[in-house]
Amino acid sequence: MEIKLEPSEVQLGLPLILEQDMLKKAAAKSRKEVAKLRKAFKAGWQLPSIPDGIVNFLLQNSPSAKVDITTY
């Protein structure tokens, strides 16, 4: 079994939308909060990991299958 982690177009745009929204909300609070958020977003956006238990769920019918997890 091979599991590919590929972002969809929605996932690629989501970080930008989240960043803009969070910066707007933080701007109402303080400049310090905005700087903190900008620094966090500059560090990069990570795709969420595979949810706990999903591989076990997929292997229920094939317990002897080999699992390779590939990221793009």
C-alpha atoms as a PDB file:
ATOM      1  CA  MET A   1       0.000   0.000   0.000  1.00  0.00           C
ATOM      2  CA  GLU A   2       1.396   3.410  -0.936  1.00  0.00           C
ATOM      3  CA  ILE A   3       0.038   6.579   0.601  1.00  0.00           C
ATOM      4  CA  LYS A   4       0.827   9.820  -1.229  1.00  0.00           C
ATOM      5  CA  LEU A   5       0.536  13.116   0.594  1.00  0.00           C
ATOM      6  CA  GLU A   6      -0.261  15.649  -2.114  1.00  0.00           C
ATOM      7  CA  PRO A   7      -1.760  19.053  -1.367  1.00  0.00           C
ATOM      8  CA  SER A   8      -4.871  19.969  -3.276  1.00  0.00           C
ATOM      9  CA  GLU A   9      -5.318  23.416  -4.789  1.00  0.00           C
ATOM     10  CA  VAL A  10      -7.505  24.311  -1.827  1.00  0.00           C
ATOM     11  CA  GLN A  11      -4.735  23.379   0.618  1.00  0.00           C
ATOM     12  CA  LEU A  12      -2.225  25.495  -1.298  1.00  0.00           C
ATOM     13  CA  GLY A  13      -4.403  28.620  -0.967  1.00  0.00           C
ATOM     14  CA  LEU A  14      -5.515  27.951   2.581  1.00  0.00           C
ATOM     15  CA  PRO A  15      -2.302  29.105   4.296  1.00  0.00           C
ATOM     16  CA  LEU A  16      -2.495  32.472   2.546  1.00  0.00           C
ATOM     17  CA  ILE A  17      -6.128  32.964   3.525  1.00  0.00           C
ATOM     18  CA  LEU A  18      -5.401  31.960   7.124  1.00  0.00           C
ATOM     19  CA  GLU A  19      -2.370  34.226   7.291  1.00  0.00           C
ATOM     20  CA  GLN A  20      -4.291  37.255   6.020  1.00  0.00           C
ATOM     21  CA  ASP A  21      -7.206  36.653   8.371  1.00  0.00           C
ATOM     22  CA  MET A  22      -5.022  36.069  11.415  1.00  0.00           C
ATOM     23  CA  LEU A  23      -2.935  39.176  10.664  1.00  0.00           C
ATOM     24  CA  LYS A  24      -6.098  41.305  10.409  1.00  0.00           C
ATOM     25  CA  LYS A  25      -7.303  40.048  13.787  1.00  0.00           C
ATOM     26  CA  ALA A  26      -3.874  40.472  15.379  1.00  0.00           C
ATOM     27  CA  ALA A  27      -3.529  44.024  14.007  1.00  0.00           C
ATOM     28  CA  ALA A  28      -6.505  45.018  16.130  1.00  0.00           C
ATOM     29  CA  LYS A  29      -4.679  43.749  19.235  1.00  0.00           C
ATOM     30  CA  SER A  30      -1.044  44.850  18.955  1.00  0.00           C
ATOM     31  CA  ARG A  31       1.941  45.275  16.663  1.00  0.00           C
ATOM     32  CA  LYS A  32       3.824  42.755  18.760  1.00  0.00           C
ATOM     33  CA  GLU A  33       1.207  40.091  18.005  1.00  0.00           C
ATOM     34  CA  VAL A  34       1.400  40.880  14.266  1.00  0.00           C
ATOM     35  CA  ALA A  35       5.196  40.543  14.295  1.00  0.00           C
ATOM     36  CA  LYS A  36       4.932  37.231  16.143  1.00  0.00           C
ATOM     37  CA  LEU A  37       2.448  35.863  13.586  1.00  0.00           C
ATOM     38  CA  ARG A  38       4.482  37.066  10.597  1.00  0.00           C
ATOM     39  CA  LYS A  39       7.535  35.323  11.996  1.00  0.00           C
ATOM     40  CA  ALA A  40       5.564  32.100  12.486  1.00  0.00           C
ATOM     41  CA  PHE A  41       4.178  32.186   8.932  1.00  0.00           C
ATOM     42  CA  LYS A  42       7.609  32.991   7.483  1.00  0.00           C
ATOM     43  CA  ALA A  43       8.906  29.774   9.064  1.00  0.00           C
ATOM     44  CA  GLY A  44       6.655  27.897   6.645  1.00  0.00           C
ATOM     45  CA  TRP A  45       3.398  26.045   6.407  1.00  0.00           C
ATOM     46  CA  GLN A  46       3.420  22.307   7.111  1.00  0.00           C
ATOM     47  CA  LEU A  47       0.880  19.920   5.697  1.00  0.00           C
ATOM     48  CA  PRO A  48      -0.976  18.095   8.420  1.00  0.00           C
ATOM     49  CA  SER A  49       0.401  14.664   9.221  1.00  0.00           C
ATOM     50  CA  ILE A  50      -1.543  11.494   8.604  1.00  0.00           C
ATOM     51  CA  PRO A  51      -4.247  11.318  11.290  1.00  0.00           C
ATOM     52  CA  ASP A  52      -3.645   8.842  14.096  1.00  0.00           C
ATOM     53  CA  GLY A  53      -5.031   5.426  13.321  1.00  0.00           C
ATOM     54  CA  ILE A  54      -5.704   5.947   9.612  1.00  0.00           C
ATOM     55  CA  VAL A  55      -2.961   3.540   8.487  1.00  0.00           C
ATOM     56  CA  ASN A  56      -4.245   0.878  10.890  1.00  0.00           C
ATOM     57  CA  PHE A  57      -7.756   1.452   9.567  1.00  0.00           C
ATOM     58  CA  LEU A  58      -6.557   0.971   5.977  1.00  0.00           C
ATOM     59  CA  LEU A  59      -4.609  -2.163   6.920  1.00  0.00           C
ATOM     60  CA  GLN A  60      -7.564  -3.923   8.586  1.00  0.00           C
ATOM     61  CA  ASN A  61      -8.266  -5.954   5.457  1.00  0.00           C
ATOM     62  CA  SER A  62      -4.588  -6.378   4.492  1.00  0.00           C
ATOM     63  CA  PRO A  63      -2.519  -6.874   7.656  1.00  0.00           C
ATOM     64  CA  SER A  64       0.472  -8.208   5.682  1.00  0.00           C
ATOM     65  CA  ALA A  65       0.653  -5.199   3.332  1.00  0.00           C
ATOM     66  CA  LYS A  66       3.766  -3.059   3.246  1.00  0.00           C
ATOM     67  CA  VAL A  67       3.114   0.657   3.785  1.00  0.00           C
ATOM     68  CA  ASP A  68       5.184   3.368   2.085  1.00  0.00           C
ATOM     69  CA  ILE A  69       4.303   6.973   2.876  1.00  0.00           C
ATOM     70  CA  THR A  70       5.453   9.402   0.189  1.00  0.00           C
ATOM     71  CA  THR A  71       5.408  13.185   0.366  1.00  0.00           C
ATOM     72  CA  TYR A  72       5.580  15.428  -2.670  1.00  0.00           C
END
